[in-house]
Structures are given as structure tokens and as C-alpha cells.
Amino acid sequence: MGVVVLRSLCVALTLVAIAAVDDAQFGCDVVVTKLAPCIAYASTGASRPTFQCCSGVRALNGMSNTPFIRRRVCNCLKTLANRLGRVAVNKAANLPALCRVPVPYPISPATNCNRVS
């Protein structure tokens, strides 16, 4: 019983901490953590992203609630895209559509993140 309460408390504190992330503290580490489950999809022959990957895409999109954070996420995605091979970048670009998440800009190394609002 005590373990369940402790786990529940840890989950609640984590959610509060995530919700409290402000613009200045939002870094690429958050992007990498949320999208880590998508690496297998982007780097292998998998035809569909996993539920965990889409959950990460959805969570990251939900956390991107200001223009500053959206631009920061966009720049992080560009940095990650530049490190991936061409096939992985093309697959990553399709994640919003496959996960049914309305990301307001294309995931591409060519995206001008300064224009993201």
C-alpha cells in the first residue's frame, strides 16, 4: 500500500514539475526525452510509430503553449534532424500526421523556426 502511495506521489510531483516548466527552462532535453520512443520508428524499417512515440509527440505539442517554446522546440527538432540520416528525417516529418497531432510547422531542417508563432 505504501509503495502505491509513494509512486502516485512521485507521478503527481513529476506532472506538477512538467507543468511548471517555463519558457526559459524549456530546453532540447525535454524534446529528446519526449521523442525518445520515436527513435526506433525513425531509424528502422518500422512502418508505423508506436503508441509511446505518438504519446510523446502529443505531450510535446501540448507543452508547446507559447510562441517562444514552439520556436525552441522547432530549433531542437532542426538540430536533431541535422544529426539524422535522410530517411530518418523523412520519417520524422511524417510523425505529426501519423500520430494525428496538429504540429503548426513542418518538421524539417529547412523550417524557418523564427517564423513559428
PDB file of N, CA and C in Angstrom:
ATOM      1  N   MET A   1       0.823  -1.188   0.000  1.00  0.00           N
ATOM      2  CA  MET A   1       0.000   0.000   0.000  1.00  0.00           C
ATOM      3  C   MET A   1       0.871   1.256   0.000  1.00  0.00           C
ATOM      4  N   GLY A   2       1.902   1.288   0.845  1.00  0.00           N
ATOM      5  CA  GLY A   2       2.783   2.438   0.923  1.00  0.00           C
ATOM      6  C   GLY A   2       3.524   2.698  -0.376  1.00  0.00           C
ATOM      7  N   VAL A   3       3.888   1.619  -1.094  1.00  0.00           N
ATOM      8  CA  VAL A   3       4.606   1.765  -2.357  1.00  0.00           C
ATOM      9  C   VAL A   3       3.701   2.414  -3.400  1.00  0.00           C
ATOM     10  N   VAL A   4       2.441   2.023  -3.428  1.00  0.00           N
ATOM     11  CA  VAL A   4       1.488   2.590  -4.385  1.00  0.00           C
ATOM     12  C   VAL A   4       1.307   4.088  -4.117  1.00  0.00           C
ATOM     13  N   VAL A   5       1.181   4.454  -2.844  1.00  0.00           N
ATOM     14  CA  VAL A   5       1.025   5.860  -2.490  1.00  0.00           C
ATOM     15  C   VAL A   5       2.277   6.645  -2.884  1.00  0.00           C
ATOM     16  N   LEU A   6       3.448   6.078  -2.605  1.00  0.00           N
ATOM     17  CA  LEU A   6       4.702   6.743  -2.955  1.00  0.00           C
ATOM     18  C   LEU A   6       4.825   6.922  -4.461  1.00  0.00           C
ATOM     19  N   ARG A   7       4.484   5.892  -5.226  1.00  0.00           N
ATOM     20  CA  ARG A   7       4.531   6.006  -6.692  1.00  0.00           C
ATOM     21  C   ARG A   7       3.561   7.065  -7.186  1.00  0.00           C
ATOM     22  N   SER A   8       2.362   7.076  -6.626  1.00  0.00           N
ATOM     23  CA  SER A   8       1.366   8.061  -7.027  1.00  0.00           C
ATOM     24  C   SER A   8       1.852   9.477  -6.724  1.00  0.00           C
ATOM     25  N   LEU A   9       2.489   9.647  -5.578  1.00  0.00           N
ATOM     26  CA  LEU A   9       3.029  10.942  -5.205  1.00  0.00           C
ATOM     27  C   LEU A   9       4.136  11.362  -6.172  1.00  0.00           C
ATOM     28  N   CYS A  10       5.000  10.422  -6.535  1.00  0.00           N
ATOM     29  CA  CYS A  10       6.074  10.720  -7.481  1.00  0.00           C
ATOM     30  C   CYS A  10       5.518  11.126  -8.840  1.00  0.00           C
ATOM     31  N   VAL A  11       4.505  10.416  -9.315  1.00  0.00           N
ATOM     32  CA  VAL A  11       3.877  10.758 -10.599  1.00  0.00           C
ATOM     33  C   VAL A  11       3.253  12.142 -10.511  1.00  0.00           C
ATOM     34  N   ALA A  12       2.552  12.428  -9.432  1.00  0.00           N
ATOM     35  CA  ALA A  12       1.910  13.731  -9.275  1.00  0.00           C
ATOM     36  C   ALA A  12       2.947  14.854  -9.243  1.00  0.00           C
ATOM     37  N   LEU A  13       4.026  14.654  -8.515  1.00  0.00           N
ATOM     38  CA  LEU A  13       5.083  15.668  -8.446  1.00  0.00           C
ATOM     39  C   LEU A  13       5.745  15.878  -9.806  1.00  0.00           C
ATOM     40  N   THR A  14       5.922  14.789 -10.536  1.00  0.00           N
ATOM     41  CA  THR A  14       6.503  14.894 -11.873  1.00  0.00           C
ATOM     42  C   THR A  14       5.592  15.703 -12.783  1.00  0.00           C
ATOM     43  N   LEU A  15       4.305  15.442 -12.728  1.00  0.00           N
ATOM     44  CA  LEU A  15       3.355  16.184 -13.553  1.00  0.00           C
ATOM     45  C   LEU A  15       3.340  17.662 -13.197  1.00  0.00           C
ATOM     46  N   VAL A  16       3.420  17.964 -11.920  1.00  0.00           N
ATOM     47  CA  VAL A  16       3.470  19.356 -11.488  1.00  0.00           C
ATOM     48  C   VAL A  16       4.748  20.011 -11.997  1.00  0.00           C
ATOM     49  N   ALA A  17       5.857  19.288 -11.899  1.00  0.00           N
ATOM     50  CA  ALA A  17       7.137  19.838 -12.360  1.00  0.00           C
ATOM     51  C   ALA A  17       7.108  20.096 -13.857  1.00  0.00           C
ATOM     52  N   ILE A  18       6.526  19.172 -14.617  1.00  0.00           N
ATOM     53  CA  ILE A  18       6.432  19.352 -16.070  1.00  0.00           C
ATOM     54  C   ILE A  18       5.544  20.548 -16.390  1.00  0.00           C
ATOM     55  N   ALA A  19       4.440  20.668 -15.683  1.00  0.00           N
ATOM     56  CA  ALA A  19       3.525  21.784 -15.931  1.00  0.00           C
ATOM     57  C   ALA A  19       4.158  23.116 -15.575  1.00  0.00           C
ATOM     58  N   ALA A  20       5.105  23.100 -14.644  1.00  0.00           N
ATOM     59  CA  ALA A  20       5.721  24.336 -14.183  1.00  0.00           C
ATOM     60  C   ALA A  20       6.898  24.784 -15.043  1.00  0.00           C
ATOM     61  N   VAL A  21       7.243  24.017 -16.062  1.00  0.00           N
ATOM     62  CA  VAL A  21       8.355  24.392 -16.924  1.00  0.00           C
ATOM     63  C   VAL A  21       8.005  25.707 -17.604  1.00  0.00           C
ATOM     64  N   ASP A  22       8.838  26.715 -17.398  1.00  0.00           N
ATOM     65  CA  ASP A  22       8.564  27.986 -18.063  1.00  0.00           C
ATOM     66  C   ASP A  22       9.420  28.112 -19.310  1.00  0.00           C
ATOM     67  N   ASP A  23       9.189  29.194 -20.027  1.00  0.00           N
ATOM     68  CA  ASP A  23       9.868  29.404 -21.298  1.00  0.00           C
ATOM     69  C   ASP A  23      11.385  29.306 -21.178  1.00  0.00           C
ATOM     70  N   ALA A  24      11.940  29.902 -20.155  1.00  0.00           N
ATOM     71  CA  ALA A  24      13.399  29.957 -20.019  1.00  0.00           C
ATOM     72  C   ALA A  24      14.012  28.602 -19.726  1.00  0.00           C
ATOM     73  N   GLN A  25      13.253  27.721 -19.121  1.00  0.00           N
ATOM     74  CA  GLN A  25      13.785  26.420 -18.735  1.00  0.00           C
ATOM     75  C   GLN A  25      13.518  25.331 -19.765  1.00  0.00           C
ATOM     76  N   PHE A  26      12.778  25.634 -20.792  1.00  0.00           N
ATOM     77  CA  PHE A  26      12.392  24.624 -21.765  1.00  0.00           C
ATOM     78  C   PHE A  26      13.533  24.417 -22.747  1.00  0.00           C
ATOM     79  N   GLY A  27      14.198  23.277 -22.644  1.00  0.00           N
ATOM     80  CA  GLY A  27      15.352  23.024 -23.497  1.00  0.00           C
ATOM     81  C   GLY A  27      15.196  21.778 -24.342  1.00  0.00           C
ATOM     82  N   CYS A  28      16.215  21.525 -25.119  1.00  0.00           N
ATOM     83  CA  CYS A  28      16.201  20.373 -26.011  1.00  0.00           C
ATOM     84  C   CYS A  28      16.145  19.057 -25.247  1.00  0.00           C
ATOM     85  N   ASP A  29      16.577  19.046 -23.991  1.00  0.00           N
ATOM     86  CA  ASP A  29      16.499  17.815 -23.209  1.00  0.00           C
ATOM     87  C   ASP A  29      15.058  17.347 -23.070  1.00  0.00           C
ATOM     88  N   VAL A  30      14.125  18.284 -22.952  1.00  0.00           N
ATOM     89  CA  VAL A  30      12.701  17.933 -22.867  1.00  0.00           C
ATOM     90  C   VAL A  30      12.249  17.321 -24.190  1.00  0.00           C
ATOM     91  N   VAL A  31      12.663  17.915 -25.290  1.00  0.00           N
ATOM     92  CA  VAL A  31      12.299  17.421 -26.622  1.00  0.00           C
ATOM     93  C   VAL A  31      12.840  16.005 -26.819  1.00  0.00           C
ATOM     94  N   VAL A  32      14.101  15.817 -26.493  1.00  0.00           N
ATOM     95  CA  VAL A  32      14.734  14.497 -26.656  1.00  0.00           C
ATOM     96  C   VAL A  32      14.034  13.458 -25.796  1.00  0.00           C
ATOM     97  N   THR A  33      13.715  13.810 -24.567  1.00  0.00           N
ATOM     98  CA  THR A  33      13.046  12.867 -23.664  1.00  0.00           C
ATOM     99  C   THR A  33      11.675  12.468 -24.197  1.00  0.00           C
ATOM    100  N   LYS A  34      10.905  13.437 -24.643  1.00  0.00           N
ATOM    101  CA  LYS A  34       9.554  13.151 -25.139  1.00  0.00           C
ATOM    102  C   LYS A  34       9.581  12.339 -26.433  1.00  0.00           C
ATOM    103  N   LEU A  35      10.596  12.583 -27.268  1.00  0.00           N
ATOM    104  CA  LEU A  35      10.633  11.906 -28.565  1.00  0.00           C
ATOM    105  C   LEU A  35      11.510  10.661 -28.583  1.00  0.00           C
ATOM    106  N   ALA A  36      12.121  10.318 -27.464  1.00  0.00           N
ATOM    107  CA  ALA A  36      12.979   9.124 -27.408  1.00  0.00           C
ATOM    108  C   ALA A  36      12.276   7.859 -27.915  1.00  0.00           C
ATOM    109  N   PRO A  37      10.994   7.648 -27.598  1.00  0.00           N
ATOM    110  CA  PRO A  37      10.332   6.450 -28.113  1.00  0.00           C
ATOM    111  C   PRO A  37      10.175   6.435 -29.639  1.00  0.00           C
ATOM    112  N   CYS A  38      10.411   7.563 -30.294  1.00  0.00           N
ATOM    113  CA  CYS A  38      10.261   7.651 -31.745  1.00  0.00           C
ATOM    114  C   CYS A  38      11.539   7.264 -32.494  1.00  0.00           C
ATOM    115  N   ILE A  39      12.633   7.122 -31.785  1.00  0.00           N
ATOM    116  CA  ILE A  39      13.905   6.832 -32.443  1.00  0.00           C
ATOM    117  C   ILE A  39      13.841   5.512 -33.203  1.00  0.00           C
ATOM    118  N   ALA A  40      13.227   4.514 -32.613  1.00  0.00           N
ATOM    119  CA  ALA A  40      13.131   3.217 -33.287  1.00  0.00           C
ATOM    120  C   ALA A  40      12.366   3.347 -34.604  1.00  0.00           C
ATOM    121  N   TYR A  41      11.274   4.096 -34.595  1.00  0.00           N
ATOM    122  CA  TYR A  41      10.499   4.299 -35.822  1.00  0.00           C
ATOM    123  C   TYR A  41      11.327   5.038 -36.876  1.00  0.00           C
ATOM    124  N   ALA A  42      11.979   6.116 -36.476  1.00  0.00           N
ATOM    125  CA  ALA A  42      12.706   6.950 -37.425  1.00  0.00           C
ATOM    126  C   ALA A  42      13.950   6.275 -37.983  1.00  0.00           C
ATOM    127  N   SER A  43      14.546   5.372 -37.217  1.00  0.00           N
ATOM    128  CA  SER A  43      15.827   4.804 -37.647  1.00  0.00           C
ATOM    129  C   SER A  43      15.744   3.361 -38.141  1.00  0.00           C
ATOM    130  N   THR A  44      14.555   2.798 -38.161  1.00  0.00           N
ATOM    131  CA  THR A  44      14.411   1.417 -38.643  1.00  0.00           C
ATOM    132  C   THR A  44      13.373   1.354 -39.752  1.00  0.00           C
ATOM    133  N   GLY A  45      13.062   0.172 -40.167  1.00  0.00           N
ATOM    134  CA  GLY A  45      12.078  -0.029 -41.222  1.00  0.00           C
ATOM    135  C   GLY A  45      10.654  -0.106 -40.720  1.00  0.00           C
ATOM    136  N   ALA A  46      10.415   0.271 -39.462  1.00  0.00           N
ATOM    137  CA  ALA A  46       9.055   0.214 -38.920  1.00  0.00           C
ATOM    138  C   ALA A  46       8.131   1.093 -39.763  1.00  0.00           C
ATOM    139  N   SER A  47       6.945   0.588 -40.047  1.00  0.00           N
ATOM    140  CA  SER A  47       6.022   1.333 -40.903  1.00  0.00           C
ATOM    141  C   SER A  47       5.139   2.305 -40.126  1.00  0.00           C
ATOM    142  N   ARG A  48       5.006   2.113 -38.833  1.00  0.00           N
ATOM    143  CA  ARG A  48       4.162   2.976 -38.003  1.00  0.00           C
ATOM    144  C   ARG A  48       4.900   3.313 -36.715  1.00  0.00           C
ATOM    145  N   PRO A  49       4.696   4.522 -36.194  1.00  0.00           N
ATOM    146  CA  PRO A  49       5.260   4.839 -34.877  1.00  0.00           C
ATOM    147  C   PRO A  49       4.487   4.108 -33.785  1.00  0.00           C
ATOM    148  N   THR A  50       5.136   3.878 -32.667  1.00  0.00           N
ATOM    149  CA  THR A  50       4.483   3.198 -31.549  1.00  0.00           C
ATOM    150  C   THR A  50       3.528   4.140 -30.820  1.00  0.00           C
ATOM    151  N   PHE A  51       2.701   3.558 -29.982  1.00  0.00           N
ATOM    152  CA  PHE A  51       1.800   4.350 -29.142  1.00  0.00           C
ATOM    153  C   PHE A  51       2.617   5.295 -28.263  1.00  0.00           C
ATOM    154  N   GLN A  52       3.731   4.794 -27.711  1.00  0.00           N
ATOM    155  CA  GLN A  52       4.578   5.607 -26.840  1.00  0.00           C
ATOM    156  C   GLN A  52       5.166   6.797 -27.605  1.00  0.00           C
ATOM    157  N   CYS A  53       5.558   6.565 -28.845  1.00  0.00           N
ATOM    158  CA  CYS A  53       6.087   7.644 -29.681  1.00  0.00           C
ATOM    159  C   CYS A  53       5.018   8.708 -29.878  1.00  0.00           C
ATOM    160  N   CYS A  54       3.834   8.306 -30.284  1.00  0.00           N
ATOM    161  CA  CYS A  54       2.756   9.272 -30.519  1.00  0.00           C
ATOM    162  C   CYS A  54       2.350   9.987 -29.229  1.00  0.00           C
ATOM    163  N   SER A  55       2.422   9.288 -28.118  1.00  0.00           N
ATOM    164  CA  SER A  55       2.138   9.935 -26.831  1.00  0.00           C
ATOM    165  C   SER A  55       3.159  11.029 -26.553  1.00  0.00           C
ATOM    166  N   GLY A  56       4.415  10.774 -26.884  1.00  0.00           N
ATOM    167  CA  GLY A  56       5.456  11.769 -26.707  1.00  0.00           C
ATOM    168  C   GLY A  56       5.259  12.964 -27.616  1.00  0.00           C
ATOM    169  N   VAL A  57       4.893  12.710 -28.870  1.00  0.00           N
ATOM    170  CA  VAL A  57       4.622  13.794 -29.824  1.00  0.00           C
ATOM    171  C   VAL A  57       3.460  14.638 -29.306  1.00  0.00           C
ATOM    172  N   ARG A  58       2.416  13.969 -28.848  1.00  0.00           N
ATOM    173  CA  ARG A  58       1.227  14.656 -28.333  1.00  0.00           C
ATOM    174  C   ARG A  58       1.577  15.489 -27.089  1.00  0.00           C
ATOM    175  N   ALA A  59       2.346  14.904 -26.169  1.00  0.00           N
ATOM    176  CA  ALA A  59       2.729  15.619 -24.942  1.00  0.00           C
ATOM    177  C   ALA A  59       3.594  16.829 -25.264  1.00  0.00           C
ATOM    178  N   LEU A  60       4.554  16.653 -26.156  1.00  0.00           N
ATOM    179  CA  LEU A  60       5.431  17.761 -26.528  1.00  0.00           C
ATOM    180  C   LEU A  60       4.638  18.886 -27.186  1.00  0.00           C
ATOM    181  N   ASN A  61       3.708  18.541 -28.044  1.00  0.00           N
ATOM    182  CA  ASN A  61       2.869  19.546 -28.694  1.00  0.00           C
ATOM    183  C   ASN A  61       2.018  20.276 -27.649  1.00  0.00           C
ATOM    184  N   GLY A  62       1.514  19.541 -26.674  1.00  0.00           N
ATOM    185  CA  GLY A  62       0.714  20.155 -25.619  1.00  0.00           C
ATOM    186  C   GLY A  62       1.524  21.080 -24.724  1.00  0.00           C
ATOM    187  N   MET A  63       2.787  20.755 -24.515  1.00  0.00           N
ATOM    188  CA  MET A  63       3.662  21.590 -23.687  1.00  0.00           C
ATOM    189  C   MET A  63       4.102  22.847 -24.435  1.00  0.00           C
ATOM    190  N   SER A  64       4.007  22.829 -25.735  1.00  0.00           N
ATOM    191  CA  SER A  64       4.456  23.950 -26.568  1.00  0.00           C
ATOM    192  C   SER A  64       3.356  24.986 -26.647  1.00  0.00           C
ATOM    193  N   ASN A  65       3.102  25.644 -25.522  1.00  0.00           N
ATOM    194  CA  ASN A  65       1.925  26.504 -25.420  1.00  0.00           C
ATOM    195  C   ASN A  65       2.220  27.994 -25.570  1.00  0.00           C
ATOM    196  N   THR A  66       3.447  28.345 -25.924  1.00  0.00           N
ATOM    197  CA  THR A  66       3.764  29.750 -26.208  1.00  0.00           C
ATOM    198  C   THR A  66       4.590  29.800 -27.496  1.00  0.00           C
ATOM    199  N   PRO A  67       4.561  30.933 -28.187  1.00  0.00           N
ATOM    200  CA  PRO A  67       5.390  31.043 -29.399  1.00  0.00           C
ATOM    201  C   PRO A  67       6.881  30.795 -29.113  1.00  0.00           C
ATOM    202  N   PHE A  68       7.359  31.279 -27.978  1.00  0.00           N
ATOM    203  CA  PHE A  68       8.770  31.078 -27.625  1.00  0.00           C
ATOM    204  C   PHE A  68       9.097  29.591 -27.519  1.00  0.00           C
ATOM    205  N   ILE A  69       8.254  28.839 -26.819  1.00  0.00           N
ATOM    206  CA  ILE A  69       8.505  27.403 -26.661  1.00  0.00           C
ATOM    207  C   ILE A  69       8.371  26.694 -28.004  1.00  0.00           C
ATOM    208  N   ARG A  70       7.367  27.057 -28.812  1.00  0.00           N
ATOM    209  CA  ARG A  70       7.228  26.422 -30.132  1.00  0.00           C
ATOM    210  C   ARG A  70       8.466  26.654 -30.986  1.00  0.00           C
ATOM    211  N   ARG A  71       9.016  27.881 -30.952  1.00  0.00           N
ATOM    212  CA  ARG A  71      10.250  28.161 -31.706  1.00  0.00           C
ATOM    213  C   ARG A  71      11.424  27.366 -31.145  1.00  0.00           C
ATOM    214  N   ARG A  72      11.485  27.249 -29.839  1.00  0.00           N
ATOM    215  CA  ARG A  72      12.573  26.493 -29.217  1.00  0.00           C
ATOM    216  C   ARG A  72      12.484  25.017 -29.601  1.00  0.00           C
ATOM    217  N   VAL A  73      11.287  24.451 -29.546  1.00  0.00           N
ATOM    218  CA  VAL A  73      11.088  23.053 -29.950  1.00  0.00           C
ATOM    219  C   VAL A  73      11.455  22.891 -31.420  1.00  0.00           C
ATOM    220  N   CYS A  74      11.019  23.818 -32.246  1.00  0.00           N
ATOM    221  CA  CYS A  74      11.336  23.776 -33.672  1.00  0.00           C
ATOM    222  C   CYS A  74      12.849  23.737 -33.885  1.00  0.00           C
ATOM    223  N   ASN A  75      13.578  24.610 -33.198  1.00  0.00           N
ATOM    224  CA  ASN A  75      15.040  24.619 -33.333  1.00  0.00           C
ATOM    225  C   ASN A  75      15.670  23.327 -32.839  1.00  0.00           C
ATOM    226  N   CYS A  76      15.143  22.770 -31.765  1.00  0.00           N
ATOM    227  CA  CYS A  76      15.651  21.489 -31.269  1.00  0.00           C
ATOM    228  C   CYS A  76      15.415  20.389 -32.299  1.00  0.00           C
ATOM    229  N   LEU A  77      14.221  20.392 -32.903  1.00  0.00           N
ATOM    230  CA  LEU A  77      13.908  19.392 -33.925  1.00  0.00           C
ATOM    231  C   LEU A  77      14.825  19.542 -35.128  1.00  0.00           C
ATOM    232  N   LYS A  78      15.141  20.784 -35.499  1.00  0.00           N
ATOM    233  CA  LYS A  78      16.068  21.009 -36.612  1.00  0.00           C
ATOM    234  C   LYS A  78      17.453  20.464 -36.276  1.00  0.00           C
ATOM    235  N   THR A  79      17.901  20.694 -35.052  1.00  0.00           N
ATOM    236  CA  THR A  79      19.204  20.185 -34.621  1.00  0.00           C
ATOM    237  C   THR A  79      19.222  18.665 -34.684  1.00  0.00           C
ATOM    238  N   LEU A  80      18.150  18.055 -34.179  1.00  0.00           N
ATOM    239  CA  LEU A  80      18.062  16.591 -34.219  1.00  0.00           C
ATOM    240  C   LEU A  80      18.004  16.094 -35.661  1.00  0.00           C
ATOM    241  N   ALA A  81      17.243  16.775 -36.494  1.00  0.00           N
ATOM    242  CA  ALA A  81      17.106  16.368 -37.897  1.00  0.00           C
ATOM    243  C   ALA A  81      18.448  16.423 -38.614  1.00  0.00           C
ATOM    244  N   ASN A  82      19.248  17.417 -38.298  1.00  0.00           N
ATOM    245  CA  ASN A  82      20.569  17.529 -38.935  1.00  0.00           C
ATOM    246  C   ASN A  82      21.506  16.399 -38.527  1.00  0.00           C
ATOM    247  N   ARG A  83      21.222  15.757 -37.414  1.00  0.00           N
ATOM    248  CA  ARG A  83      22.050  14.642 -36.948  1.00  0.00           C
ATOM    249  C   ARG A  83      21.578  13.297 -37.487  1.00  0.00           C
ATOM    250  N   LEU A  84      20.362  13.277 -38.018  1.00  0.00           N
ATOM    251  CA  LEU A  84      19.788  12.027 -38.528  1.00  0.00           C
ATOM    252  C   LEU A  84      20.088  11.886 -40.017  1.00  0.00           C
ATOM    253  N   GLY A  85      19.963  10.688 -40.508  1.00  0.00           N
ATOM    254  CA  GLY A  85      20.077  10.465 -41.947  1.00  0.00           C
ATOM    255  C   GLY A  85      18.822  10.929 -42.658  1.00  0.00           C
ATOM    256  N   ARG A  86      18.891  10.991 -43.971  1.00  0.00           N
ATOM    257  CA  ARG A  86      17.773  11.484 -44.774  1.00  0.00           C
ATOM    258  C   ARG A  86      16.493  10.665 -44.571  1.00  0.00           C
ATOM    259  N   VAL A  87      16.607   9.353 -44.520  1.00  0.00           N
ATOM    260  CA  VAL A  87      15.416   8.506 -44.328  1.00  0.00           C
ATOM    261  C   VAL A  87      14.766   8.822 -42.991  1.00  0.00           C
ATOM    262  N   ALA A  88      15.569   8.971 -41.949  1.00  0.00           N
ATOM    263  CA  ALA A  88      15.027   9.265 -40.627  1.00  0.00           C
ATOM    264  C   ALA A  88      14.347  10.633 -40.600  1.00  0.00           C
ATOM    265  N   VAL A  89      14.900  11.611 -41.274  1.00  0.00           N
ATOM    266  CA  VAL A  89      14.295  12.942 -41.326  1.00  0.00           C
ATOM    267  C   VAL A  89      12.942  12.875 -42.026  1.00  0.00           C
ATOM    268  N   ASN A  90      12.862  12.145 -43.124  1.00  0.00           N
ATOM    269  CA  ASN A  90      11.590  11.999 -43.837  1.00  0.00           C
ATOM    270  C   ASN A  90      10.548  11.306 -42.972  1.00  0.00           C
ATOM    271  N   LYS A  91      10.969  10.285 -42.241  1.00  0.00           N
ATOM    272  CA  LYS A  91      10.029   9.590 -41.358  1.00  0.00           C
ATOM    273  C   LYS A  91       9.604  10.487 -40.206  1.00  0.00           C
ATOM    274  N   ALA A  92      10.544  11.251 -39.656  1.00  0.00           N
ATOM    275  CA  ALA A  92      10.216  12.168 -38.560  1.00  0.00           C
ATOM    276  C   ALA A  92       9.227  13.237 -39.031  1.00  0.00           C
ATOM    277  N   ALA A  93       9.367  13.700 -40.254  1.00  0.00           N
ATOM    278  CA  ALA A  93       8.462  14.712 -40.799  1.00  0.00           C
ATOM    279  C   ALA A  93       7.026  14.207 -40.860  1.00  0.00           C
ATOM    280  N   ASN A  94       6.850  12.899 -40.970  1.00  0.00           N
ATOM    281  CA  ASN A  94       5.511  12.317 -41.054  1.00  0.00           C
ATOM    282  C   ASN A  94       4.887  12.019 -39.695  1.00  0.00           C
ATOM    283  N   LEU A  95       5.655  12.165 -38.622  1.00  0.00           N
ATOM    284  CA  LEU A  95       5.134  11.822 -37.296  1.00  0.00           C
ATOM    285  C   LEU A  95       3.850  12.569 -36.926  1.00  0.00           C
ATOM    286  N   PRO A  96       3.772  13.893 -37.114  1.00  0.00           N
ATOM    287  CA  PRO A  96       2.519  14.566 -36.722  1.00  0.00           C
ATOM    288  C   PRO A  96       1.287  13.978 -37.418  1.00  0.00           C
ATOM    289  N   ALA A  97       1.384  13.722 -38.703  1.00  0.00           N
ATOM    290  CA  ALA A  97       0.234  13.165 -39.433  1.00  0.00           C
ATOM    291  C   ALA A  97      -0.075  11.744 -38.965  1.00  0.00           C
ATOM    292  N   LEU A  98       0.961  10.919 -38.817  1.00  0.00           N
ATOM    293  CA  LEU A  98       0.728   9.533 -38.400  1.00  0.00           C
ATOM    294  C   LEU A  98       0.179   9.445 -36.976  1.00  0.00           C
ATOM    295  N   CYS A  99       0.582  10.392 -36.138  1.00  0.00           N
ATOM    296  CA  CYS A  99       0.112  10.401 -34.744  1.00  0.00           C
ATOM    297  C   CYS A  99      -1.143  11.249 -34.561  1.00  0.00           C
ATOM    298  N   ARG A 100      -1.584  11.875 -35.664  1.00  0.00           N
ATOM    299  CA  ARG A 100      -2.770  12.740 -35.629  1.00  0.00           C
ATOM    300  C   ARG A 100      -2.615  13.869 -34.605  1.00  0.00           C
ATOM    301  N   VAL A 101      -1.455  14.532 -34.689  1.00  0.00           N
ATOM    302  CA  VAL A 101      -1.158  15.662 -33.810  1.00  0.00           C
ATOM    303  C   VAL A 101      -0.919  16.884 -34.700  1.00  0.00           C
ATOM    304  N   PRO A 102      -1.686  17.948 -34.510  1.00  0.00           N
ATOM    305  CA  PRO A 102      -1.563  19.125 -35.373  1.00  0.00           C
ATOM    306  C   PRO A 102      -0.366  20.013 -34.995  1.00  0.00           C
ATOM    307  N   VAL A 103       0.809  19.640 -35.416  1.00  0.00           N
ATOM    308  CA  VAL A 103       2.001  20.457 -35.179  1.00  0.00           C
ATOM    309  C   VAL A 103       1.957  21.615 -36.175  1.00  0.00           C
ATOM    310  N   PRO A 104       2.090  22.867 -35.685  1.00  0.00           N
ATOM    311  CA  PRO A 104       1.854  24.027 -36.551  1.00  0.00           C
ATOM    312  C   PRO A 104       3.008  24.427 -37.482  1.00  0.00           C
ATOM    313  N   TYR A 105       3.953  23.540 -37.696  1.00  0.00           N
ATOM    314  CA  TYR A 105       5.056  23.817 -38.617  1.00  0.00           C
ATOM    315  C   TYR A 105       5.616  22.488 -39.096  1.00  0.00           C
ATOM    316  N   PRO A 106       6.243  22.472 -40.260  1.00  0.00           N
ATOM    317  CA  PRO A 106       6.821  21.213 -40.755  1.00  0.00           C
ATOM    318  C   PRO A 106       8.081  20.837 -39.979  1.00  0.00           C
ATOM    319  N   ILE A 107       8.255  19.555 -39.742  1.00  0.00           N
ATOM    320  CA  ILE A 107       9.472  19.069 -39.105  1.00  0.00           C
ATOM    321  C   ILE A 107      10.468  18.819 -40.229  1.00  0.00           C
ATOM    322  N   SER A 108      11.391  19.746 -40.360  1.00  0.00           N
ATOM    323  CA  SER A 108      12.339  19.708 -41.460  1.00  0.00           C
ATOM    324  C   SER A 108      13.545  20.568 -41.119  1.00  0.00           C
ATOM    325  N   PRO A 109      14.721  20.166 -41.602  1.00  0.00           N
ATOM    326  CA  PRO A 109      15.900  21.029 -41.415  1.00  0.00           C
ATOM    327  C   PRO A 109      15.738  22.374 -42.121  1.00  0.00           C
ATOM    328  N   ALA A 110      14.822  22.466 -43.065  1.00  0.00           N
ATOM    329  CA  ALA A 110      14.627  23.703 -43.826  1.00  0.00           C
ATOM    330  C   ALA A 110      13.620  24.662 -43.181  1.00  0.00           C
ATOM    331  N   THR A 111      12.956  24.247 -42.127  1.00  0.00           N
ATOM    332  CA  THR A 111      11.956  25.102 -41.485  1.00  0.00           C
ATOM    333  C   THR A 111      12.601  26.347 -40.886  1.00  0.00           C
ATOM    334  N   ASN A 112      12.004  27.506 -41.124  1.00  0.00           N
ATOM    335  CA  ASN A 112      12.465  28.739 -40.512  1.00  0.00           C
ATOM    336  C   ASN A 112      11.745  28.884 -39.169  1.00  0.00           C
ATOM    337  N   CYS A 113      12.403  28.482 -38.112  1.00  0.00           N
ATOM    338  CA  CYS A 113      11.774  28.470 -36.784  1.00  0.00           C
ATOM    339  C   CYS A 113      11.470  29.865 -36.272  1.00  0.00           C
ATOM    340  N   ASN A 114      12.142  30.892 -36.786  1.00  0.00           N
ATOM    341  CA  ASN A 114      11.853  32.263 -36.368  1.00  0.00           C
ATOM    342  C   ASN A 114      10.467  32.720 -36.802  1.00  0.00           C
ATOM    343  N   ARG A 115       9.892  32.016 -37.764  1.00  0.00           N
ATOM    344  CA  ARG A 115       8.550  32.374 -38.252  1.00  0.00           C
ATOM    345  C   ARG A 115       7.446  31.588 -37.554  1.00  0.00           C
ATOM    346  N   VAL A 116       7.821  30.656 -36.697  1.00  0.00           N
ATOM    347  CA  VAL A 116       6.829  29.862 -35.964  1.00  0.00           C
ATOM    348  C   VAL A 116       6.182  30.757 -34.913  1.00  0.00           C
ATOM    349  N   SER A 117       4.859  30.741 -34.893  1.00  0.00           N
ATOM    350  CA  SER A 117       4.162  31.597 -33.908  1.00  0.00           C
ATOM    351  C   SER A 117       3.397  30.754 -32.902  1.00  0.00           C
TER     352      SER A 117
END
